Each structure stands twice: as structure tokens, then as C-alpha cells.
Amino acid sequence: MLSSGVQLRYNFRLYPTVGQQVSLAKAFGCARVVFNDALSARREAFAAGGRISDSELSKRLTEAKRAPERVWLGEVSSVVLQQALADLNTAYRNFFASVTGNRKGAKVAAPRFRSRRDHRQSIRFTRNARFAVTPGAKLRLPKIGDVAVRWSRDLPSEPSSVTIVKDAAGRYFASFVVQVNDEPLAPVASEVGIDLGLTTFAVLSNGTTITSPRFLRRAERRLRKAQQSLSRKDKGSANRAKARIKVAKAHARVADTRRDWAHKQSTMIIGDNQAIYVEDLCVKGLARTRLAKSVHDAGWGMFTRMLEEKAHRYGRTFAKINRWFPSTQMCSVCGAVGGRKPLHVREWTCACGTTHDRDLNAAINILAAGQAERLNACGGTVSLPA
């Protein structure tokens, strides 16, 4: 593998046969049991005032495979079971790092038991499992067989691992982890500030407006009918299971469309601008307000994450502006800061006589703030207009 670059996931749709689906279900179940057994052992050790090492858990797994009540663990790839232990160990490391303050970002909760009722299941194969792409373009998985894949593009390098996922809609996917070289784009002179919103998804400081697609709102009628049909089915019945799949597929269609749209918009912005600045919105906080459905439908977090990842890969600059920066209240011409403005106020006039479009003015201020912070970080003496 290449030493420089970034790791990316390449996802492809799988079409396992009925027999392969049974084998995958068995692998999902075995990985879940191993994870839950190890979690139970860790909790018991913590309750007793001690701890249990990763190597001890691996040793216990080997012993469990020989026990009569767990002999069926040997029917699946051992790599899948070891990766279940690795997932638990990683979850605990992240939890302790979060508790001690060594991990940035949102707090991470302690690991929880995995349930067989979860509609999303996954297992992971590493290189040790010797998975491979066959000459017939199928994915060969240990103790599962050659699974048909719909290849939408070529893998850029040899994958280090592949995760097999069954989602809530009953679809199967292969997620390959590959190393990709950075691909810097030709430098351009333009830089842009982006103001995200609900009425309009985004307004760029150059005057470009991106209309909010509102994928969830547009699909609400179809989703409502599917949900109503599900609620009328008897619990535990085959008809209810079919209705649940229909609801999951409807939601998956909305999520897939939103993700595809966000990829296209973020790629366009990255290609056209050398530096991109956005406001660091508190999405979780906004998602607890009466605007929750619209906030989730907008997908701001996914969009900004795509911008950041693509900027890093293609040699662009990306920065987030402090969420307390008064981008909406500040006049982009004279720098005067007025009072707070209700959401229904789309235009306002500054004391200097300039009439502003609310969103465009905010985008221009975000651009100015981002450029000031960037130059200041490079040692320049820069300040915003006062």
C-alpha cells in the first residue's frame, strides 16, 4: 500500500444467493455472540475491580470454540470473530479517551450489547482472511463463497479490509477500505464563504444560490402510507415483516438520494474554489428544536464533512468559522454589528444605508472571517472591519 494519501471506503452492492444469505446470517450471529460474550466478561471484570486484557479475551474465544455449547463458532471465518473482539476493544478505548478528555468531539458512550433484532448487521474481513476478487468479478469470502457484486467503478488499490453490511432494507453491501493518493487540483484564485440554511440550502459569497431539495418532505406522503400500512399489521406476522421492509426501503431511497446530491454539490464547490469557509453550526442542538425534521432533511453535517474530506484530498483549504461569529448581524460593508434578526427577516438595511440580503451578507462575512483567520494563522496582522 502507498505510504501517503488517505484511506477511503468504496461501497458496492452485493447480490448473495439464498444459501449465501444463510451463511452471512450465521456469520452475523456468531460475530454478535462473540462481541456480547466479551462485553459481558469485561463488565464482570470491572465490577470485580479488575480488568481483562485483549489477549485474554482472544484466548477465551479460542476456548469457547472448543466448548460443546459454542462449537458452532467454528463454522464461520475466525477472522470475523477476531474482528468482533477488535471492535469491542476499539469501542472501549474510544470511551475511556472520551471520559478522560483525550478524545475531541462529542462524548462517546460505553459499549452496549448487540441485539439480534437490530435490522443492520455487519462483519469484517481483513487481509488475513484472504478474501479476493475472482477473475469472474465476484467477491470470494471465506466459508461463504463467491458473491456477485455490482461494480460501479474500479478499486484504486488493493483493499486492506472489506466489511459486509446488511441494512434495514435487506440490501447487502461490500465496503472496501483502500489507500488513495492525494490528487491536488490545479490552483484557482476564487475563495468562497457558505451560509447554510433551511429555506435555501446554501448561499455562496459569490452570489450562487443552492436550492434546498427537501428530499424527506417530498417523500412524506409515500412514507406516511408505508408507515400506516405497517402499523395495521399484526406484530410478529410475515405481512408485518414485509411492510417493515417497504418502510425501510422508502427511507433508504431518501437517504441515498440525499447523499448522492450532497456528493455532487460538494464536488462542484471544491472544484471551483481554492478555499471554502463554512459556519460551525450546532446541528445537534438545532435538531432538538421545532425545526428538527427540516434540519435532519437538510443534511448539513454530511455536506460539510464531504467538503472537508474532499478539500483535504484535492489540495484545497477548508475551515469552519466560530458559531458565535455574528455573520448575520454584521454589515459586510461597514462592519457595524446590529441586533439579532428573526428568521422571517430576509432583508435588512444597515445604518450606513446599505440594504442586505440576509443570507448573502452572512456568506460574505463568513468568507472575510475565514480569510482573516487563515492569514492571521500564517503570521499576518489581520482583523475584521470595525
Protein backbone atom coordinates (compact mmCIF):
# COMPACT_ATOMS: atom_id res chain seq x y z
CA MET A 1 0.00 0.00 0.00
CA LEU A 2 1.06 3.58 -0.52
CA SER A 3 2.53 5.43 2.41
CA SER A 4 0.96 8.78 1.53
CA GLY A 5 -2.62 9.68 0.81
CA VAL A 6 -5.89 8.98 2.55
CA GLN A 7 -7.98 5.95 3.34
CA LEU A 8 -11.37 5.85 1.63
CA ARG A 9 -14.30 3.47 1.58
CA TYR A 10 -15.61 2.17 -1.71
CA ASN A 11 -19.10 0.70 -1.40
CA PHE A 12 -20.66 -1.77 -3.80
CA ARG A 13 -23.99 -3.59 -3.85
CA LEU A 14 -23.86 -7.36 -3.26
CA TYR A 15 -26.32 -9.97 -4.52
CA PRO A 16 -25.78 -13.14 -2.47
CA THR A 17 -27.68 -16.31 -3.29
CA VAL A 18 -30.19 -17.75 -0.81
CA GLY A 19 -27.55 -20.15 0.50
CA GLN A 20 -25.01 -17.33 0.86
CA GLN A 21 -27.57 -15.24 2.72
CA VAL A 22 -27.94 -18.09 5.23
CA SER A 23 -24.14 -18.26 5.63
CA LEU A 24 -23.96 -14.49 6.10
CA ALA A 25 -26.75 -14.61 8.70
CA LYS A 26 -24.76 -17.26 10.57
CA ALA A 27 -21.63 -15.10 10.42
CA PHE A 28 -23.57 -12.04 11.65
CA GLY A 29 -24.93 -14.06 14.57
CA CYS A 30 -21.57 -15.56 15.55
CA ALA A 31 -19.86 -12.14 15.49
CA ARG A 32 -22.67 -10.73 17.64
CA VAL A 33 -22.33 -13.56 20.20
CA VAL A 34 -18.56 -13.13 20.44
CA PHE A 35 -18.96 -9.38 20.91
CA ASN A 36 -21.61 -9.80 23.62
CA ASP A 37 -19.63 -12.54 25.44
CA ALA A 38 -16.53 -10.33 25.52
CA LEU A 39 -18.53 -7.32 26.68
CA SER A 40 -20.07 -9.37 29.48
CA ALA A 41 -16.61 -10.56 30.54
CA ARG A 42 -15.27 -7.01 30.61
CA ARG A 43 -18.21 -5.77 32.66
CA GLU A 44 -17.79 -8.59 35.16
CA ALA A 45 -14.08 -7.79 35.49
CA PHE A 46 -14.80 -4.07 36.02
CA ALA A 47 -17.45 -4.91 38.63
CA ALA A 48 -14.89 -7.01 40.50
CA GLY A 49 -12.43 -4.11 40.49
CA GLY A 50 -10.11 -5.62 37.89
CA ARG A 51 -9.65 -5.65 34.15
CA ILE A 52 -9.27 -8.19 31.40
CA SER A 53 -6.70 -7.87 28.63
CA ASP A 54 -7.31 -8.12 24.90
CA SER A 55 -5.12 -11.23 24.71
CA GLU A 56 -7.14 -12.90 27.46
CA LEU A 57 -10.36 -12.27 25.53
CA SER A 58 -8.79 -13.79 22.43
CA LYS A 59 -7.72 -16.82 24.48
CA ARG A 60 -11.25 -17.21 25.85
CA LEU A 61 -12.61 -17.11 22.30
CA THR A 62 -10.34 -19.99 21.30
CA GLU A 63 -11.52 -21.99 24.32
CA ALA A 64 -15.18 -21.18 23.58
CA LYS A 65 -14.88 -22.61 20.06
CA ARG A 66 -13.95 -25.97 21.64
CA ALA A 67 -16.83 -25.93 24.13
CA PRO A 68 -19.89 -28.02 23.15
CA GLU A 69 -22.30 -25.10 23.62
CA ARG A 70 -20.21 -22.85 21.32
CA VAL A 71 -18.84 -25.35 18.83
CA TRP A 72 -20.85 -23.68 16.02
CA LEU A 73 -18.47 -20.69 16.22
CA GLY A 74 -16.05 -22.78 14.17
CA GLU A 75 -18.44 -22.76 11.21
CA VAL A 76 -17.53 -19.17 10.29
CA SER A 77 -14.22 -17.50 9.49
CA SER A 78 -12.06 -16.96 12.57
CA VAL A 79 -11.11 -13.51 11.25
CA VAL A 80 -14.74 -12.38 11.54
CA LEU A 81 -14.76 -13.38 15.23
CA GLN A 82 -11.41 -11.71 15.94
CA GLN A 83 -12.65 -8.52 14.31
CA ALA A 84 -15.70 -8.56 16.59
CA LEU A 85 -13.27 -8.54 19.54
CA ALA A 86 -11.28 -5.76 17.88
CA ASP A 87 -14.47 -3.68 17.53
CA LEU A 88 -15.17 -4.05 21.25
CA ASN A 89 -11.61 -3.12 22.21
CA THR A 90 -11.75 -0.05 19.97
CA ALA A 91 -15.12 0.95 21.45
CA TYR A 92 -13.69 0.79 24.98
CA ARG A 93 -10.57 2.76 24.04
CA ASN A 94 -12.72 5.49 22.50
CA PHE A 95 -14.97 5.50 25.57
CA PHE A 96 -12.10 5.88 28.04
CA ALA A 97 -10.40 8.51 25.85
CA SER A 98 -13.65 10.47 25.79
CA VAL A 99 -14.14 10.21 29.56
CA THR A 100 -10.59 11.37 30.29
CA GLY A 101 -10.81 14.22 27.78
CA ASN A 102 -8.14 12.81 25.44
CA ARG A 103 -10.66 12.46 22.63
CA LYS A 104 -12.08 15.56 20.98
CA GLY A 105 -15.65 15.93 19.83
CA ALA A 106 -18.90 14.60 21.23
CA LYS A 107 -18.83 12.32 24.25
CA VAL A 108 -18.65 8.61 23.46
CA ALA A 109 -20.90 6.25 25.42
CA ALA A 110 -19.81 2.90 26.83
CA PRO A 111 -20.25 -0.12 24.51
CA ARG A 112 -23.68 -1.78 24.58
CA PHE A 113 -24.78 -5.32 23.83
CA ARG A 114 -25.65 -6.04 20.22
CA SER A 115 -29.18 -7.25 19.57
CA ARG A 116 -30.34 -9.86 17.09
CA ARG A 117 -33.32 -7.57 16.47
CA ASP A 118 -31.12 -4.85 15.00
CA HIS A 119 -32.03 -4.54 11.35
CA ARG A 120 -28.47 -3.55 10.42
CA GLN A 121 -25.82 -6.26 10.73
CA SER A 122 -22.16 -6.29 9.67
CA ILE A 123 -18.99 -8.37 9.70
CA ARG A 124 -15.44 -7.51 8.62
CA PHE A 125 -12.76 -9.48 6.78
CA THR A 126 -9.12 -8.35 6.82
CA ARG A 127 -6.28 -9.46 4.56
CA ASN A 128 -5.61 -12.37 6.93
CA ALA A 129 -8.93 -13.84 5.81
CA ARG A 130 -7.65 -13.91 2.22
CA PHE A 131 -10.78 -12.51 0.65
CA ALA A 132 -10.33 -11.84 -3.05
CA VAL A 133 -11.95 -10.60 -6.23
CA THR A 134 -12.18 -13.54 -8.62
CA PRO A 135 -11.40 -13.42 -12.36
CA GLY A 136 -15.17 -13.54 -12.84
CA ALA A 137 -15.51 -10.25 -10.90
CA LYS A 138 -17.09 -11.86 -7.85
CA LEU A 139 -16.10 -11.33 -4.23
CA ARG A 140 -14.73 -14.51 -2.66
CA LEU A 141 -15.39 -14.65 1.08
CA PRO A 142 -14.12 -17.42 3.38
CA LYS A 143 -16.79 -20.04 4.24
CA ILE A 144 -19.39 -18.03 2.30
CA GLY A 145 -18.38 -18.39 -1.33
CA ASP A 146 -18.20 -16.21 -4.44
CA VAL A 147 -20.73 -13.41 -4.09
CA ALA A 148 -21.99 -11.42 -7.07
CA VAL A 149 -21.03 -7.72 -6.98
CA ARG A 150 -22.30 -4.78 -8.98
CA TRP A 151 -19.06 -2.91 -9.69
CA SER A 152 -19.79 0.77 -10.35
CA ARG A 153 -16.08 1.66 -10.57
CA ASP A 154 -12.64 0.08 -10.22
CA LEU A 155 -10.83 -0.18 -6.90
CA PRO A 156 -7.86 2.25 -6.98
CA SER A 157 -5.62 -0.04 -4.91
CA GLU A 158 -5.55 -3.34 -3.06
CA PRO A 159 -8.13 -3.19 -0.23
CA SER A 160 -6.91 -3.73 3.33
CA SER A 161 -10.30 -4.95 4.54
CA VAL A 162 -13.89 -5.42 3.46
CA THR A 163 -16.99 -5.00 5.61
CA ILE A 164 -20.13 -6.86 4.61
CA VAL A 165 -23.25 -4.95 5.63
CA LYS A 166 -26.90 -5.91 5.58
CA ASP A 167 -29.00 -2.77 6.02
CA ALA A 168 -32.52 -2.30 7.37
CA ALA A 169 -33.96 -2.58 3.86
CA GLY A 170 -32.49 -6.07 3.45
CA ARG A 171 -29.82 -4.94 0.98
CA TYR A 172 -26.23 -6.25 1.10
CA PHE A 173 -23.15 -4.10 0.56
CA ALA A 174 -19.39 -4.61 0.46
CA SER A 175 -17.41 -1.70 1.89
CA PHE A 176 -13.72 -1.84 0.89
CA VAL A 177 -11.06 0.21 2.70
CA VAL A 178 -8.44 1.37 0.18
CA GLN A 179 -5.47 3.73 0.24
CA VAL A 180 -5.74 6.57 -2.26
CA ASN A 181 -3.11 9.11 -3.20
CA ASP A 182 -3.90 12.79 -2.73
CA GLU A 183 -4.94 14.29 -6.08
CA PRO A 184 -4.32 18.07 -5.90
CA LEU A 185 -6.38 20.05 -8.37
CA ALA A 186 -4.99 22.96 -10.36
CA PRO A 187 -4.98 26.08 -8.14
CA VAL A 188 -7.72 28.64 -8.73
CA ALA A 189 -7.99 32.20 -7.49
CA SER A 190 -11.53 32.13 -6.10
CA GLU A 191 -12.43 31.56 -2.45
CA VAL A 192 -15.92 31.22 -1.07
CA GLY A 193 -17.90 31.55 2.15
CA ILE A 194 -21.02 29.42 2.56
CA ASP A 195 -24.09 30.27 4.61
CA LEU A 196 -26.25 27.19 5.20
CA GLY A 197 -29.99 27.50 5.73
CA LEU A 198 -33.35 25.78 5.50
CA THR A 199 -35.35 27.95 3.11
CA THR A 200 -32.35 27.93 0.77
CA PHE A 201 -29.86 25.12 1.37
CA ALA A 202 -26.81 27.32 0.81
CA VAL A 203 -25.91 30.80 -0.35
CA LEU A 204 -22.34 31.35 -1.51
CA SER A 205 -20.49 34.62 -1.11
CA ASN A 206 -20.16 34.88 -4.91
CA GLY A 207 -23.96 35.12 -5.16
CA THR A 208 -24.62 31.49 -6.11
CA THR A 209 -27.75 30.02 -4.52
CA ILE A 210 -28.31 26.29 -3.96
CA THR A 211 -31.98 25.48 -3.57
CA SER A 212 -32.95 23.12 -0.76
CA PRO A 213 -34.06 19.80 -2.35
CA ARG A 214 -36.12 18.73 0.71
CA PHE A 215 -35.96 15.04 -0.13
CA LEU A 216 -37.75 13.93 3.04
CA ARG A 217 -40.55 16.48 2.66
CA ARG A 218 -41.14 15.41 -0.94
CA ALA A 219 -41.34 11.75 0.07
CA GLU A 220 -43.53 12.28 3.15
CA ARG A 221 -46.74 11.09 1.51
CA ARG A 222 -45.18 7.83 0.35
CA LEU A 223 -43.50 7.32 3.72
CA ARG A 224 -46.72 8.03 5.59
CA LYS A 225 -48.67 5.48 3.58
CA ALA A 226 -45.99 2.83 4.09
CA GLN A 227 -45.87 3.55 7.83
CA GLN A 228 -49.66 3.38 8.12
CA SER A 229 -49.66 0.03 6.34
CA LEU A 230 -47.03 -1.25 8.76
CA SER A 231 -48.97 -0.10 11.83
CA ARG A 232 -52.01 -2.12 10.73
CA LYS A 233 -50.13 -5.43 10.54
CA ASP A 234 -50.11 -7.90 13.45
CA LYS A 235 -46.85 -7.97 15.38
CA GLY A 236 -44.75 -11.00 14.56
CA SER A 237 -46.60 -11.75 11.33
CA ALA A 238 -44.98 -12.28 7.92
CA ASN A 239 -47.02 -9.40 6.50
CA ARG A 240 -45.61 -7.06 9.13
CA ALA A 241 -42.08 -8.12 8.21
CA LYS A 242 -42.81 -7.34 4.54
CA ALA A 243 -44.34 -3.98 5.46
CA ARG A 244 -41.30 -3.11 7.58
CA ILE A 245 -39.04 -3.80 4.61
CA LYS A 246 -41.15 -1.44 2.47
CA VAL A 247 -40.78 1.34 5.05
CA ALA A 248 -37.03 0.75 5.30
CA LYS A 249 -36.66 0.81 1.51
CA ALA A 250 -38.58 4.08 1.28
CA HIS A 251 -36.29 5.71 3.87
CA ALA A 252 -33.20 4.22 2.19
CA ARG A 253 -34.27 5.76 -1.11
CA VAL A 254 -34.47 9.20 0.51
CA ALA A 255 -31.10 8.79 2.24
CA ASP A 256 -29.38 7.55 -0.94
CA THR A 257 -30.77 10.44 -2.99
CA ARG A 258 -29.69 12.99 -0.40
CA ARG A 259 -26.18 11.52 -0.20
CA ASP A 260 -25.77 11.48 -3.98
CA TRP A 261 -26.94 15.11 -4.22
CA ALA A 262 -24.56 16.21 -1.46
CA HIS A 263 -21.63 14.49 -3.22
CA LYS A 264 -22.37 16.32 -6.47
CA GLN A 265 -22.76 19.73 -4.82
CA SER A 266 -19.64 19.38 -2.65
CA THR A 267 -17.55 18.20 -5.62
CA MET A 268 -18.66 21.20 -7.67
CA ILE A 269 -17.78 23.67 -4.89
CA ILE A 270 -14.38 22.06 -4.27
CA GLY A 271 -13.55 22.16 -7.97
CA ASP A 272 -14.43 25.83 -8.36
CA ASN A 273 -12.77 27.29 -5.24
CA GLN A 274 -9.33 27.22 -3.67
CA ALA A 275 -10.61 27.86 -0.13
CA ILE A 276 -14.00 27.09 1.39
CA TYR A 277 -15.30 28.52 4.67
CA VAL A 278 -18.47 27.47 6.46
CA GLU A 279 -20.07 28.30 9.79
CA ASP A 280 -19.63 25.70 12.55
CA LEU A 281 -23.32 25.08 13.18
CA CYS A 282 -24.54 23.21 16.26
CA VAL A 283 -26.56 20.67 14.29
CA LYS A 284 -27.35 18.50 17.32
CA GLY A 285 -28.76 21.49 19.18
CA LEU A 286 -30.86 22.61 16.22
CA ALA A 287 -32.14 19.05 15.81
CA ARG A 288 -33.78 19.33 19.24
CA THR A 289 -35.91 22.32 18.25
CA ARG A 290 -39.22 22.56 16.39
CA LEU A 291 -37.16 22.66 13.19
CA ALA A 292 -35.79 19.16 13.82
CA LYS A 293 -37.30 17.48 10.76
CA SER A 294 -36.09 20.22 8.40
CA VAL A 295 -32.61 20.20 9.97
CA HIS A 296 -32.28 16.43 9.53
CA ASP A 297 -33.64 16.67 6.00
CA ALA A 298 -31.05 19.31 5.07
CA GLY A 299 -28.10 17.08 6.00
CA TRP A 300 -25.73 19.94 6.88
CA GLY A 301 -23.37 17.70 8.84
CA MET A 302 -22.92 15.24 5.97
CA PHE A 303 -22.43 18.06 3.47
CA THR A 304 -19.74 19.89 5.48
CA ARG A 305 -17.98 16.58 6.22
CA MET A 306 -17.81 15.86 2.50
CA LEU A 307 -16.41 19.34 1.85
CA GLU A 308 -13.72 18.83 4.47
CA GLU A 309 -12.71 15.38 3.23
CA LYS A 310 -12.59 16.40 -0.42
CA ALA A 311 -10.68 19.60 0.37
CA HIS A 312 -8.01 17.52 2.11
CA ARG A 313 -7.82 15.06 -0.77
CA TYR A 314 -7.74 17.62 -3.58
CA GLY A 315 -5.41 20.18 -2.01
CA ARG A 316 -8.00 22.82 -1.12
CA THR A 317 -8.35 24.83 2.09
CA PHE A 318 -11.35 24.19 4.33
CA ALA A 319 -12.14 25.94 7.62
CA LYS A 320 -15.06 26.34 9.98
CA ILE A 321 -15.92 29.74 11.46
CA ASN A 322 -16.84 30.01 15.13
CA ARG A 323 -20.59 29.51 15.54
CA TRP A 324 -20.78 32.62 17.75
CA PHE A 325 -19.42 34.86 14.98
CA PRO A 326 -22.24 37.38 14.17
CA SER A 327 -22.31 36.68 10.44
CA THR A 328 -26.00 37.58 10.13
CA GLN A 329 -25.86 40.68 12.35
CA MET A 330 -22.72 42.27 10.88
CA CYS A 331 -22.81 44.62 7.90
CA SER A 332 -20.38 43.30 5.27
CA VAL A 333 -19.75 46.87 4.04
CA CYS A 334 -19.04 48.95 7.16
CA GLY A 335 -18.59 46.16 9.76
CA ALA A 336 -21.24 47.51 12.14
CA VAL A 337 -22.94 44.84 14.26
CA GLY A 338 -26.67 45.25 14.71
CA GLY A 339 -29.08 43.31 16.86
CA ARG A 340 -30.44 39.81 16.38
CA LYS A 341 -32.75 39.35 13.44
CA PRO A 342 -35.73 36.92 13.42
CA LEU A 343 -35.74 34.21 10.75
CA HIS A 344 -38.58 35.86 8.85
CA VAL A 345 -36.40 38.95 8.22
CA ARG A 346 -34.77 38.15 4.86
CA GLU A 347 -33.54 41.68 4.08
CA TRP A 348 -32.34 44.50 6.33
CA THR A 349 -30.80 47.94 5.97
CA CYS A 350 -27.68 48.96 7.87
CA ALA A 351 -27.19 52.42 9.40
CA CYS A 352 -24.66 53.10 6.62
CA GLY A 353 -27.53 52.88 4.13
CA THR A 354 -26.67 49.50 2.60
CA THR A 355 -29.55 47.06 2.09
CA HIS A 356 -28.51 43.45 2.58
CA ASP A 357 -29.90 40.08 1.62
CA ARG A 358 -29.67 38.21 4.92
CA ASP A 359 -28.01 35.04 3.59
CA LEU A 360 -25.68 36.64 1.05
CA ASN A 361 -24.45 39.15 3.65
CA ALA A 362 -23.76 36.28 6.08
CA ALA A 363 -21.84 34.34 3.40
CA ILE A 364 -19.67 37.38 2.62
CA ASN A 365 -18.92 37.84 6.34
CA ILE A 366 -18.05 34.14 6.69
CA LEU A 367 -15.62 34.48 3.78
CA ALA A 368 -14.00 37.56 5.34
CA ALA A 369 -13.71 35.88 8.75
CA GLY A 370 -12.19 32.74 7.22
CA GLN A 371 -9.63 34.71 5.24
CA ALA A 372 -8.74 36.77 8.32
CA GLU A 373 -8.20 33.66 10.48
CA ARG A 374 -6.16 31.99 7.75
CA LEU A 375 -3.86 34.98 7.23
CA ASN A 376 -3.56 35.50 10.96
CA ALA A 377 -2.50 31.88 11.39
CA CYS A 378 0.24 32.50 8.83
CA GLY A 379 1.62 35.38 10.87
CA GLY A 380 -0.14 38.31 9.29
CA THR A 381 -1.78 41.09 11.24
CA VAL A 382 -5.36 40.98 10.09
CA SER A 383 -8.65 41.99 11.65
CA LEU A 384 -12.26 42.17 10.54
CA PRO A 385 -13.76 45.54 9.65
CA ALA A 386 -14.69 47.56 12.74
